[in-house]
Amino acid sequence: MYQCYFSGVYERENFRDYYCDDVKAIQRIVKLYGAKEIREILETTCLRNKVQRGYKINKILKKDEEATSAKQKVLEEIKEVVEEQPVAIEKKTTRSQKKKL
């Protein structure tokens, strides 16, 4: 019904409150530990610099490569199984076909 003024996503309990419960909890934590300390913690844990982003991108690419290589191995195994099986079963010749021969 009423949106939080800070997050804009969560609903407030009533129209007199400005913030949702999550934002109120964050305010209490900031008052307890101080804004500078909380900012440092958030920057070191939540935000990434260029080097860290590079590591993360490489990690994701490596996982993608491993997944595609695993898929390729499965496809190759399926192809091998299919190649081992006979393509078509020969039909038995009927009496009328034998007479023609």
N, C-alpha and C. Protein backbone atom coordinates (compact mmCIF):
# COMPACT_ATOMS: atom_id res chain seq x y z
N MET A 1 0.83 -1.19 0.00
CA MET A 1 0.00 0.00 0.00
C MET A 1 0.87 1.25 0.00
N TYR A 2 1.63 1.47 1.06
CA TYR A 2 2.53 2.62 1.14
C TYR A 2 3.95 2.13 0.93
N GLN A 3 4.71 2.80 0.07
CA GLN A 3 6.09 2.38 -0.19
C GLN A 3 7.07 3.08 0.73
N CYS A 4 8.17 2.40 0.98
CA CYS A 4 9.25 2.94 1.80
C CYS A 4 9.88 4.12 1.05
N TYR A 5 10.20 5.20 1.77
CA TYR A 5 10.82 6.37 1.15
C TYR A 5 12.25 6.09 0.73
N PHE A 6 12.94 5.19 1.42
CA PHE A 6 14.34 4.91 1.12
C PHE A 6 14.48 3.88 0.00
N SER A 7 13.88 2.70 0.18
CA SER A 7 14.05 1.64 -0.81
C SER A 7 13.04 1.75 -1.95
N GLY A 8 11.86 2.21 -1.64
CA GLY A 8 10.83 2.35 -2.67
C GLY A 8 10.23 1.02 -3.10
N VAL A 9 10.66 -0.03 -2.50
CA VAL A 9 10.20 -1.36 -2.90
C VAL A 9 9.26 -1.95 -1.86
N TYR A 10 9.71 -1.96 -0.64
CA TYR A 10 8.95 -2.62 0.42
C TYR A 10 7.85 -1.71 0.96
N GLU A 11 6.84 -2.32 1.48
CA GLU A 11 5.71 -1.56 2.02
C GLU A 11 5.97 -1.18 3.47
N ARG A 12 5.47 -0.02 3.82
CA ARG A 12 5.55 0.43 5.20
C ARG A 12 4.38 -0.16 5.96
N GLU A 13 4.51 -0.19 7.27
CA GLU A 13 3.44 -0.75 8.08
C GLU A 13 2.20 0.14 8.07
N ASN A 14 2.40 1.44 8.18
CA ASN A 14 1.26 2.35 8.11
C ASN A 14 1.71 3.65 7.45
N PHE A 15 0.79 4.54 7.21
CA PHE A 15 1.10 5.76 6.47
C PHE A 15 1.94 6.74 7.27
N ARG A 16 2.03 6.56 8.58
CA ARG A 16 2.84 7.47 9.40
C ARG A 16 4.33 7.14 9.35
N ASP A 17 4.66 5.90 9.06
CA ASP A 17 6.07 5.50 8.97
C ASP A 17 6.64 5.95 7.63
N TYR A 18 7.91 6.32 7.64
CA TYR A 18 8.58 6.70 6.41
C TYR A 18 9.32 5.51 5.78
N TYR A 19 9.79 4.58 6.63
CA TYR A 19 10.65 3.51 6.15
C TYR A 19 10.05 2.14 6.48
N CYS A 20 10.48 1.14 5.71
CA CYS A 20 10.05 -0.24 5.96
C CYS A 20 10.89 -0.83 7.10
N ASP A 21 10.55 -2.02 7.52
CA ASP A 21 11.24 -2.65 8.65
C ASP A 21 12.73 -2.90 8.36
N ASP A 22 13.06 -3.27 7.12
CA ASP A 22 14.46 -3.52 6.77
C ASP A 22 15.29 -2.26 6.89
N VAL A 23 14.79 -1.16 6.40
CA VAL A 23 15.53 0.10 6.45
C VAL A 23 15.64 0.57 7.90
N LYS A 24 14.62 0.35 8.69
CA LYS A 24 14.70 0.71 10.11
C LYS A 24 15.79 -0.08 10.81
N ALA A 25 15.93 -1.36 10.47
CA ALA A 25 16.97 -2.20 11.06
C ALA A 25 18.35 -1.70 10.63
N ILE A 26 18.49 -1.30 9.38
CA ILE A 26 19.77 -0.77 8.90
C ILE A 26 20.11 0.53 9.64
N GLN A 27 19.12 1.36 9.88
CA GLN A 27 19.35 2.61 10.61
C GLN A 27 19.88 2.32 12.02
N ARG A 28 19.29 1.31 12.67
CA ARG A 28 19.74 0.97 14.02
C ARG A 28 21.18 0.48 14.01
N ILE A 29 21.53 -0.32 13.01
CA ILE A 29 22.90 -0.83 12.92
C ILE A 29 23.88 0.32 12.67
N VAL A 30 23.52 1.26 11.82
CA VAL A 30 24.38 2.41 11.53
C VAL A 30 24.56 3.25 12.79
N LYS A 31 23.50 3.44 13.56
CA LYS A 31 23.62 4.21 14.80
C LYS A 31 24.51 3.48 15.81
N LEU A 32 24.47 2.16 15.79
CA LEU A 32 25.24 1.38 16.74
C LEU A 32 26.73 1.38 16.41
N TYR A 33 27.09 1.14 15.14
CA TYR A 33 28.50 1.01 14.76
C TYR A 33 29.10 2.26 14.14
N GLY A 34 28.29 3.18 13.68
CA GLY A 34 28.81 4.39 13.04
C GLY A 34 28.79 4.26 11.53
N ALA A 35 28.52 5.37 10.87
CA ALA A 35 28.34 5.37 9.41
C ALA A 35 29.64 5.03 8.68
N LYS A 36 30.77 5.54 9.16
CA LYS A 36 32.05 5.30 8.47
C LYS A 36 32.42 3.82 8.50
N GLU A 37 32.26 3.20 9.66
CA GLU A 37 32.61 1.78 9.79
C GLU A 37 31.69 0.91 8.92
N ILE A 38 30.42 1.22 8.91
CA ILE A 38 29.47 0.46 8.09
C ILE A 38 29.79 0.64 6.61
N ARG A 39 30.15 1.85 6.23
CA ARG A 39 30.50 2.11 4.82
C ARG A 39 31.73 1.30 4.42
N GLU A 40 32.76 1.27 5.27
CA GLU A 40 33.96 0.50 4.98
C GLU A 40 33.63 -1.00 4.83
N ILE A 41 32.81 -1.49 5.72
CA ILE A 41 32.42 -2.90 5.66
C ILE A 41 31.66 -3.19 4.36
N LEU A 42 30.74 -2.33 4.00
CA LEU A 42 29.98 -2.53 2.77
C LEU A 42 30.87 -2.46 1.53
N GLU A 43 31.81 -1.52 1.52
CA GLU A 43 32.70 -1.39 0.36
C GLU A 43 33.61 -2.59 0.22
N THR A 44 34.09 -3.14 1.34
CA THR A 44 35.01 -4.28 1.25
C THR A 44 34.28 -5.59 0.96
N THR A 45 33.04 -5.71 1.38
CA THR A 45 32.33 -6.98 1.21
C THR A 45 31.38 -6.98 0.02
N CYS A 46 30.74 -5.88 -0.27
CA CYS A 46 29.70 -5.86 -1.31
C CYS A 46 30.19 -5.33 -2.64
N LEU A 47 31.09 -4.36 -2.62
CA LEU A 47 31.55 -3.74 -3.86
C LEU A 47 32.84 -4.38 -4.33
N ARG A 48 33.04 -4.39 -5.64
CA ARG A 48 34.24 -5.00 -6.22
C ARG A 48 35.02 -3.95 -6.99
N ASN A 49 36.35 -4.04 -6.91
CA ASN A 49 37.18 -3.17 -7.74
C ASN A 49 37.44 -3.87 -9.07
N LYS A 50 38.21 -3.25 -9.95
CA LYS A 50 38.41 -3.80 -11.30
C LYS A 50 39.09 -5.17 -11.26
N VAL A 51 40.06 -5.33 -10.40
CA VAL A 51 40.77 -6.61 -10.31
C VAL A 51 39.82 -7.71 -9.84
N GLN A 52 39.03 -7.42 -8.83
CA GLN A 52 38.09 -8.41 -8.31
C GLN A 52 37.04 -8.75 -9.36
N ARG A 53 36.59 -7.76 -10.12
CA ARG A 53 35.63 -8.03 -11.19
C ARG A 53 36.25 -8.94 -12.25
N GLY A 54 37.52 -8.71 -12.56
CA GLY A 54 38.22 -9.57 -13.52
C GLY A 54 38.27 -11.00 -13.04
N TYR A 55 38.58 -11.21 -11.75
CA TYR A 55 38.60 -12.56 -11.19
C TYR A 55 37.22 -13.21 -11.28
N LYS A 56 36.19 -12.45 -10.96
CA LYS A 56 34.83 -12.98 -11.00
C LYS A 56 34.44 -13.35 -12.42
N ILE A 57 34.76 -12.50 -13.39
CA ILE A 57 34.43 -12.78 -14.79
C ILE A 57 35.15 -14.04 -15.25
N ASN A 58 36.44 -14.16 -14.91
CA ASN A 58 37.20 -15.34 -15.30
C ASN A 58 36.64 -16.61 -14.67
N LYS A 59 36.20 -16.50 -13.44
CA LYS A 59 35.61 -17.65 -12.75
C LYS A 59 34.32 -18.09 -13.45
N ILE A 60 33.49 -17.14 -13.82
CA ILE A 60 32.23 -17.46 -14.51
C ILE A 60 32.53 -18.07 -15.88
N LEU A 61 33.48 -17.51 -16.61
CA LEU A 61 33.84 -18.04 -17.92
C LEU A 61 34.39 -19.46 -17.80
N LYS A 62 35.17 -19.71 -16.77
CA LYS A 62 35.72 -21.05 -16.56
C LYS A 62 34.60 -22.05 -16.31
N LYS A 63 33.62 -21.67 -15.50
CA LYS A 63 32.48 -22.55 -15.23
C LYS A 63 31.71 -22.83 -16.51
N ASP A 64 31.52 -21.80 -17.34
CA ASP A 64 30.81 -21.97 -18.61
C ASP A 64 31.57 -22.93 -19.53
N GLU A 65 32.91 -22.79 -19.58
CA GLU A 65 33.71 -23.67 -20.41
C GLU A 65 33.62 -25.11 -19.92
N GLU A 66 33.64 -25.31 -18.61
CA GLU A 66 33.53 -26.65 -18.06
C GLU A 66 32.17 -27.26 -18.39
N ALA A 67 31.13 -26.44 -18.31
CA ALA A 67 29.78 -26.94 -18.61
C ALA A 67 29.66 -27.31 -20.08
N THR A 68 30.20 -26.49 -20.97
CA THR A 68 30.11 -26.80 -22.40
C THR A 68 30.96 -28.01 -22.74
N SER A 69 32.12 -28.17 -22.11
CA SER A 69 32.94 -29.35 -22.37
C SER A 69 32.24 -30.61 -21.87
N ALA A 70 31.55 -30.53 -20.75
CA ALA A 70 30.80 -31.68 -20.24
C ALA A 70 29.66 -32.04 -21.20
N LYS A 71 28.98 -31.02 -21.73
CA LYS A 71 27.91 -31.27 -22.70
C LYS A 71 28.46 -31.92 -23.96
N GLN A 72 29.62 -31.47 -24.41
CA GLN A 72 30.23 -32.04 -25.61
C GLN A 72 30.61 -33.49 -25.39
N LYS A 73 31.12 -33.82 -24.21
CA LYS A 73 31.46 -35.22 -23.90
C LYS A 73 30.22 -36.10 -23.95
N VAL A 74 29.12 -35.62 -23.40
CA VAL A 74 27.88 -36.39 -23.42
C VAL A 74 27.39 -36.59 -24.84
N LEU A 75 27.46 -35.54 -25.65
CA LEU A 75 27.04 -35.65 -27.05
C LEU A 75 27.91 -36.64 -27.82
N GLU A 76 29.21 -36.65 -27.56
CA GLU A 76 30.10 -37.59 -28.22
C GLU A 76 29.78 -39.03 -27.82
N GLU A 77 29.47 -39.23 -26.54
CA GLU A 77 29.11 -40.57 -26.07
C GLU A 77 27.81 -41.04 -26.73
N ILE A 78 26.86 -40.13 -26.88
CA ILE A 78 25.60 -40.47 -27.53
C ILE A 78 25.86 -40.84 -28.99
N LYS A 79 26.70 -40.08 -29.67
CA LYS A 79 27.02 -40.38 -31.06
C LYS A 79 27.66 -41.75 -31.20
N GLU A 80 28.57 -42.10 -30.27
CA GLU A 80 29.21 -43.40 -30.30
C GLU A 80 28.20 -44.53 -30.14
N VAL A 81 27.26 -44.35 -29.23
CA VAL A 81 26.24 -45.36 -29.00
C VAL A 81 25.36 -45.51 -30.24
N VAL A 82 25.00 -44.41 -30.84
CA VAL A 82 24.15 -44.43 -32.03
C VAL A 82 24.89 -45.09 -33.19
N GLU A 83 26.18 -44.82 -33.34
CA GLU A 83 26.95 -45.39 -34.43
C GLU A 83 27.12 -46.90 -34.28
N GLU A 84 27.17 -47.38 -33.04
CA GLU A 84 27.31 -48.81 -32.79
C GLU A 84 26.05 -49.58 -33.15
N GLN A 85 24.92 -48.96 -33.03
CA GLN A 85 23.66 -49.64 -33.33
C GLN A 85 23.46 -49.74 -34.83
N PRO A 86 22.83 -50.83 -35.29
CA PRO A 86 22.56 -50.94 -36.73
C PRO A 86 21.58 -49.88 -37.18
N VAL A 87 21.78 -49.44 -38.43
CA VAL A 87 20.97 -48.36 -38.96
C VAL A 87 19.55 -48.82 -39.22
N ALA A 88 19.42 -49.92 -39.90
CA ALA A 88 18.08 -50.41 -40.21
C ALA A 88 18.08 -51.92 -40.14
N ILE A 89 16.98 -52.47 -39.74
CA ILE A 89 16.82 -53.92 -39.68
C ILE A 89 16.29 -54.37 -41.04
N GLU A 90 16.98 -55.40 -41.59
CA GLU A 90 16.55 -55.88 -42.90
C GLU A 90 15.20 -56.59 -42.78
N LYS A 91 14.36 -56.32 -43.74
CA LYS A 91 13.05 -56.95 -43.75
C LYS A 91 13.19 -58.37 -44.30
N LYS A 92 12.39 -59.24 -43.76
CA LYS A 92 12.39 -60.60 -44.26
C LYS A 92 11.71 -60.62 -45.63
N THR A 93 12.24 -61.45 -46.48
CA THR A 93 11.62 -61.56 -47.79
C THR A 93 10.39 -62.46 -47.70
N THR A 94 9.37 -62.02 -48.35
CA THR A 94 8.13 -62.81 -48.34
C THR A 94 8.18 -63.86 -49.47
N ARG A 95 7.21 -64.77 -49.48
CA ARG A 95 7.16 -65.84 -50.49
C ARG A 95 7.00 -65.26 -51.89
N SER A 96 6.17 -64.21 -51.98
CA SER A 96 5.96 -63.63 -53.30
C SER A 96 7.24 -62.98 -53.82
N GLN A 97 8.02 -62.39 -52.91
CA GLN A 97 9.28 -61.79 -53.33
C GLN A 97 10.27 -62.87 -53.74
N LYS A 98 10.26 -64.02 -53.07
CA LYS A 98 11.15 -65.12 -53.42
C LYS A 98 10.81 -65.66 -54.80
N LYS A 99 9.52 -65.74 -55.12
CA LYS A 99 9.09 -66.26 -56.42
C LYS A 99 9.60 -65.35 -57.54
N LYS A 100 9.61 -64.04 -57.28
CA LYS A 100 10.08 -63.09 -58.30
C LYS A 100 11.57 -63.23 -58.53
N LEU A 101 12.30 -63.64 -57.53
CA LEU A 101 13.75 -63.76 -57.67
C LEU A 101 14.04 -65.01 -58.45
